[in-house]
Amino acid sequence: MTSFDDREKAFEAKFAHDADLRFRILARRGKLIGLWAAEKLGKSGAMAEDYAKSVLLSDLEVPGDSDIIAKLLADLAPLGVGEGDIKAMLAEKLAQAETQVMGEA
């Protein structure tokens, strides 16, 4: 029984670790895409950081990427940035975030 309990605890610990890692990666992606969009909007310094935080918070509204895409599209459409551009950048920033977070772990 002990080895079964140990195995169960190990699976639970791995699940918790993986969930935490996924959250950190998505949070980093949100910040990176927010900073990218801030640059497009001509923001820098504290204004860029504040904008990145607003993008990150918008990503917490509903599951999936539709909320962050909608915010970025609303803000960047006047600059000629389309949904395809945003989705491509989300994928690029996700890869960057994974590399950064995994480098910290």
N, C-alpha and C. Protein backbone atom coordinates (compact mmCIF):
# COMPACT_ATOMS: atom_id res chain seq x y z
N MET A 1 0.80 -1.20 0.00
CA MET A 1 0.00 0.00 0.00
C MET A 1 0.85 1.27 0.00
N THR A 2 1.96 1.23 0.67
CA THR A 2 2.79 2.42 0.78
C THR A 2 3.31 2.87 -0.58
N SER A 3 3.74 1.94 -1.41
CA SER A 3 4.26 2.34 -2.73
C SER A 3 3.14 2.93 -3.59
N PHE A 4 1.92 2.42 -3.44
CA PHE A 4 0.80 2.99 -4.17
C PHE A 4 0.53 4.42 -3.71
N ASP A 5 0.55 4.64 -2.41
CA ASP A 5 0.35 5.99 -1.86
C ASP A 5 1.46 6.93 -2.31
N ASP A 6 2.69 6.44 -2.29
CA ASP A 6 3.82 7.25 -2.75
C ASP A 6 3.67 7.62 -4.22
N ARG A 7 3.24 6.66 -5.01
CA ARG A 7 3.06 6.90 -6.44
C ARG A 7 1.95 7.92 -6.67
N GLU A 8 0.86 7.82 -5.92
CA GLU A 8 -0.24 8.77 -6.04
C GLU A 8 0.23 10.18 -5.68
N LYS A 9 0.99 10.30 -4.60
CA LYS A 9 1.50 11.60 -4.18
C LYS A 9 2.45 12.17 -5.23
N ALA A 10 3.24 11.32 -5.85
CA ALA A 10 4.16 11.77 -6.88
C ALA A 10 3.39 12.30 -8.10
N PHE A 11 2.32 11.60 -8.50
CA PHE A 11 1.50 12.06 -9.62
C PHE A 11 0.83 13.39 -9.28
N GLU A 12 0.34 13.52 -8.06
CA GLU A 12 -0.30 14.77 -7.64
C GLU A 12 0.71 15.91 -7.64
N ALA A 13 1.91 15.65 -7.17
CA ALA A 13 2.95 16.67 -7.14
C ALA A 13 3.34 17.09 -8.56
N LYS A 14 3.44 16.11 -9.46
CA LYS A 14 3.77 16.42 -10.85
C LYS A 14 2.67 17.24 -11.50
N PHE A 15 1.42 16.88 -11.25
CA PHE A 15 0.30 17.62 -11.79
C PHE A 15 0.33 19.07 -11.31
N ALA A 16 0.56 19.27 -10.01
CA ALA A 16 0.62 20.62 -9.45
C ALA A 16 1.78 21.40 -10.05
N HIS A 17 2.92 20.74 -10.19
CA HIS A 17 4.09 21.40 -10.78
C HIS A 17 3.82 21.80 -12.22
N ASP A 18 3.25 20.89 -13.00
CA ASP A 18 2.94 21.18 -14.41
C ASP A 18 1.93 22.32 -14.55
N ALA A 19 0.92 22.34 -13.67
CA ALA A 19 -0.08 23.41 -13.70
C ALA A 19 0.56 24.75 -13.37
N ASP A 20 1.43 24.76 -12.38
CA ASP A 20 2.13 25.99 -12.01
C ASP A 20 3.03 26.47 -13.14
N LEU A 21 3.73 25.55 -13.76
CA LEU A 21 4.61 25.88 -14.86
C LEU A 21 3.81 26.46 -16.03
N ARG A 22 2.68 25.85 -16.36
CA ARG A 22 1.83 26.33 -17.45
C ARG A 22 1.32 27.74 -17.15
N PHE A 23 0.91 27.98 -15.91
CA PHE A 23 0.44 29.30 -15.52
C PHE A 23 1.56 30.34 -15.69
N ARG A 24 2.75 30.01 -15.23
CA ARG A 24 3.87 30.94 -15.34
C ARG A 24 4.23 31.23 -16.79
N ILE A 25 4.17 30.20 -17.63
CA ILE A 25 4.47 30.40 -19.05
C ILE A 25 3.43 31.30 -19.69
N LEU A 26 2.15 31.06 -19.42
CA LEU A 26 1.10 31.89 -20.01
C LEU A 26 1.16 33.33 -19.48
N ALA A 27 1.51 33.49 -18.21
CA ALA A 27 1.66 34.84 -17.67
C ALA A 27 2.82 35.56 -18.34
N ARG A 28 3.91 34.87 -18.54
CA ARG A 28 5.07 35.47 -19.22
C ARG A 28 4.71 35.81 -20.67
N ARG A 29 3.98 34.92 -21.33
CA ARG A 29 3.54 35.19 -22.71
C ARG A 29 2.68 36.45 -22.75
N GLY A 30 1.78 36.59 -21.78
CA GLY A 30 0.92 37.77 -21.73
C GLY A 30 1.72 39.05 -21.58
N LYS A 31 2.73 39.00 -20.74
CA LYS A 31 3.58 40.18 -20.56
C LYS A 31 4.36 40.48 -21.83
N LEU A 32 4.92 39.44 -22.45
CA LEU A 32 5.70 39.64 -23.67
C LEU A 32 4.86 40.20 -24.80
N ILE A 33 3.65 39.66 -24.98
CA ILE A 33 2.79 40.17 -26.06
C ILE A 33 2.32 41.58 -25.73
N GLY A 34 2.11 41.85 -24.43
CA GLY A 34 1.73 43.20 -24.03
C GLY A 34 2.82 44.22 -24.31
N LEU A 35 4.06 43.83 -24.05
CA LEU A 35 5.19 44.73 -24.34
C LEU A 35 5.36 44.93 -25.85
N TRP A 36 5.13 43.88 -26.63
CA TRP A 36 5.18 43.98 -28.09
C TRP A 36 4.13 44.97 -28.57
N ALA A 37 2.90 44.83 -28.06
CA ALA A 37 1.80 45.71 -28.47
C ALA A 37 2.07 47.15 -28.01
N ALA A 38 2.61 47.29 -26.80
CA ALA A 38 2.92 48.62 -26.29
C ALA A 38 3.92 49.33 -27.20
N GLU A 39 4.90 48.58 -27.67
CA GLU A 39 5.89 49.16 -28.59
C GLU A 39 5.20 49.60 -29.88
N LYS A 40 4.29 48.78 -30.39
CA LYS A 40 3.54 49.14 -31.60
C LYS A 40 2.74 50.42 -31.38
N LEU A 41 2.24 50.60 -30.15
CA LEU A 41 1.43 51.76 -29.83
C LEU A 41 2.26 52.98 -29.44
N GLY A 42 3.58 52.83 -29.45
CA GLY A 42 4.47 53.94 -29.14
C GLY A 42 4.66 54.19 -27.66
N LYS A 43 4.35 53.19 -26.84
CA LYS A 43 4.52 53.33 -25.39
C LYS A 43 5.89 52.80 -24.99
N SER A 44 6.45 53.40 -23.95
CA SER A 44 7.73 52.92 -23.44
C SER A 44 7.78 53.11 -21.94
N GLY A 45 8.76 52.50 -21.32
CA GLY A 45 8.96 52.64 -19.89
C GLY A 45 7.78 52.16 -19.07
N ALA A 46 7.40 52.97 -18.10
CA ALA A 46 6.31 52.61 -17.19
C ALA A 46 4.98 52.46 -17.93
N MET A 47 4.78 53.29 -18.95
CA MET A 47 3.53 53.18 -19.72
C MET A 47 3.45 51.84 -20.43
N ALA A 48 4.56 51.35 -20.94
CA ALA A 48 4.59 50.05 -21.60
C ALA A 48 4.33 48.94 -20.60
N GLU A 49 4.93 49.04 -19.43
CA GLU A 49 4.71 48.04 -18.38
C GLU A 49 3.25 48.02 -17.94
N ASP A 50 2.65 49.20 -17.77
CA ASP A 50 1.24 49.28 -17.39
C ASP A 50 0.34 48.68 -18.46
N TYR A 51 0.66 48.96 -19.71
CA TYR A 51 -0.14 48.41 -20.80
C TYR A 51 0.00 46.87 -20.82
N ALA A 52 1.22 46.37 -20.63
CA ALA A 52 1.45 44.92 -20.61
C ALA A 52 0.64 44.27 -19.48
N LYS A 53 0.55 44.94 -18.34
CA LYS A 53 -0.25 44.42 -17.23
C LYS A 53 -1.73 44.37 -17.60
N SER A 54 -2.20 45.39 -18.32
CA SER A 54 -3.61 45.41 -18.72
C SER A 54 -3.90 44.28 -19.71
N VAL A 55 -2.93 43.97 -20.56
CA VAL A 55 -3.10 42.86 -21.50
C VAL A 55 -3.12 41.54 -20.73
N LEU A 56 -2.23 41.41 -19.78
CA LEU A 56 -2.18 40.20 -18.96
C LEU A 56 -3.49 40.00 -18.20
N LEU A 57 -4.02 41.06 -17.63
CA LEU A 57 -5.29 40.96 -16.90
C LEU A 57 -6.45 40.63 -17.84
N SER A 58 -6.41 41.13 -19.06
CA SER A 58 -7.50 40.83 -20.00
C SER A 58 -7.49 39.34 -20.36
N ASP A 59 -6.33 38.71 -20.27
CA ASP A 59 -6.23 37.29 -20.61
C ASP A 59 -6.85 36.41 -19.54
N LEU A 60 -7.18 36.97 -18.39
CA LEU A 60 -7.75 36.19 -17.30
C LEU A 60 -9.28 36.22 -17.30
N GLU A 61 -9.88 36.93 -18.25
CA GLU A 61 -11.33 37.10 -18.24
C GLU A 61 -12.08 35.82 -18.60
N VAL A 62 -11.69 35.16 -19.67
CA VAL A 62 -12.34 33.91 -20.07
C VAL A 62 -11.26 32.91 -20.48
N PRO A 63 -11.53 31.63 -20.37
CA PRO A 63 -10.54 30.63 -20.78
C PRO A 63 -10.23 30.76 -22.28
N GLY A 64 -9.01 30.45 -22.62
CA GLY A 64 -8.59 30.53 -24.01
C GLY A 64 -7.98 31.88 -24.34
N ASP A 65 -7.72 32.07 -25.61
CA ASP A 65 -7.04 33.28 -26.05
C ASP A 65 -7.98 34.34 -26.62
N SER A 66 -9.27 34.07 -26.69
CA SER A 66 -10.18 35.00 -27.36
C SER A 66 -10.20 36.37 -26.68
N ASP A 67 -10.08 36.42 -25.38
CA ASP A 67 -10.12 37.70 -24.68
C ASP A 67 -8.88 38.54 -24.96
N ILE A 68 -7.72 37.93 -24.96
CA ILE A 68 -6.49 38.68 -25.23
C ILE A 68 -6.44 39.11 -26.69
N ILE A 69 -6.91 38.25 -27.59
CA ILE A 69 -6.95 38.59 -29.01
C ILE A 69 -7.89 39.77 -29.23
N ALA A 70 -9.06 39.75 -28.59
CA ALA A 70 -10.03 40.83 -28.75
C ALA A 70 -9.45 42.16 -28.27
N LYS A 71 -8.77 42.15 -27.12
CA LYS A 71 -8.18 43.40 -26.60
C LYS A 71 -7.11 43.92 -27.55
N LEU A 72 -6.21 43.04 -27.96
CA LEU A 72 -5.12 43.47 -28.83
C LEU A 72 -5.65 43.93 -30.19
N LEU A 73 -6.65 43.23 -30.69
CA LEU A 73 -7.24 43.61 -31.98
C LEU A 73 -7.88 44.99 -31.88
N ALA A 74 -8.61 45.23 -30.81
CA ALA A 74 -9.25 46.54 -30.62
C ALA A 74 -8.21 47.66 -30.55
N ASP A 75 -7.10 47.38 -29.88
CA ASP A 75 -6.06 48.40 -29.71
C ASP A 75 -5.17 48.57 -30.93
N LEU A 76 -4.93 47.48 -31.66
CA LEU A 76 -3.95 47.52 -32.74
C LEU A 76 -4.55 47.57 -34.15
N ALA A 77 -5.83 47.32 -34.29
CA ALA A 77 -6.45 47.35 -35.62
C ALA A 77 -6.24 48.68 -36.33
N PRO A 78 -6.33 49.82 -35.63
CA PRO A 78 -6.09 51.09 -36.33
C PRO A 78 -4.68 51.21 -36.91
N LEU A 79 -3.77 50.39 -36.42
CA LEU A 79 -2.39 50.40 -36.93
C LEU A 79 -2.18 49.38 -38.04
N GLY A 80 -3.26 48.69 -38.42
CA GLY A 80 -3.16 47.71 -39.50
C GLY A 80 -2.77 46.32 -39.05
N VAL A 81 -2.80 46.07 -37.75
CA VAL A 81 -2.47 44.76 -37.22
C VAL A 81 -3.75 43.93 -37.18
N GLY A 82 -3.74 42.76 -37.84
CA GLY A 82 -4.92 41.92 -37.91
C GLY A 82 -4.86 40.75 -36.94
N GLU A 83 -5.96 40.00 -36.93
CA GLU A 83 -6.06 38.86 -36.02
C GLU A 83 -4.98 37.82 -36.32
N GLY A 84 -4.68 37.59 -37.58
CA GLY A 84 -3.64 36.63 -37.95
C GLY A 84 -2.28 37.05 -37.42
N ASP A 85 -2.01 38.35 -37.48
CA ASP A 85 -0.74 38.88 -36.95
C ASP A 85 -0.65 38.63 -35.44
N ILE A 86 -1.76 38.86 -34.76
CA ILE A 86 -1.80 38.69 -33.31
C ILE A 86 -1.62 37.22 -32.94
N LYS A 87 -2.31 36.34 -33.66
CA LYS A 87 -2.18 34.91 -33.37
C LYS A 87 -0.75 34.42 -33.62
N ALA A 88 -0.14 34.90 -34.69
CA ALA A 88 1.25 34.52 -34.97
C ALA A 88 2.18 35.02 -33.87
N MET A 89 1.93 36.25 -33.41
CA MET A 89 2.78 36.79 -32.36
C MET A 89 2.54 36.07 -31.04
N LEU A 90 1.30 35.66 -30.77
CA LEU A 90 1.03 34.87 -29.55
C LEU A 90 1.84 33.57 -29.58
N ALA A 91 1.89 32.92 -30.72
CA ALA A 91 2.66 31.68 -30.84
C ALA A 91 4.15 31.95 -30.64
N GLU A 92 4.64 33.02 -31.23
CA GLU A 92 6.06 33.37 -31.08
C GLU A 92 6.39 33.70 -29.62
N LYS A 93 5.53 34.48 -28.98
CA LYS A 93 5.78 34.87 -27.59
C LYS A 93 5.61 33.68 -26.65
N LEU A 94 4.75 32.72 -27.00
CA LEU A 94 4.62 31.51 -26.19
C LEU A 94 5.93 30.73 -26.21
N ALA A 95 6.53 30.61 -27.38
CA ALA A 95 7.81 29.91 -27.48
C ALA A 95 8.89 30.63 -26.66
N GLN A 96 8.91 31.96 -26.73
CA GLN A 96 9.87 32.73 -25.95
C GLN A 96 9.64 32.53 -24.45
N ALA A 97 8.37 32.57 -24.06
CA ALA A 97 8.02 32.41 -22.64
C ALA A 97 8.43 31.04 -22.13
N GLU A 98 8.19 30.00 -22.93
CA GLU A 98 8.59 28.65 -22.52
C GLU A 98 10.08 28.58 -22.30
N THR A 99 10.84 29.14 -23.22
CA THR A 99 12.29 29.14 -23.10
C THR A 99 12.74 29.89 -21.85
N GLN A 100 12.15 31.05 -21.61
CA GLN A 100 12.54 31.85 -20.45
C GLN A 100 12.17 31.15 -19.13
N VAL A 101 10.94 30.66 -19.05
CA VAL A 101 10.50 30.04 -17.79
C VAL A 101 11.26 28.75 -17.53
N MET A 102 11.46 27.96 -18.56
CA MET A 102 12.18 26.69 -18.38
C MET A 102 13.64 26.96 -18.01
N GLY A 103 14.19 28.07 -18.46
CA GLY A 103 15.55 28.46 -18.10
C GLY A 103 15.66 28.86 -16.64
N GLU A 104 14.55 29.34 -16.08
CA GLU A 104 14.54 29.73 -14.66
C GLU A 104 14.35 28.54 -13.75
N ALA A 105 13.66 27.51 -14.26
CA ALA A 105 13.30 26.36 -13.42
C ALA A 105 14.46 25.48 -13.09
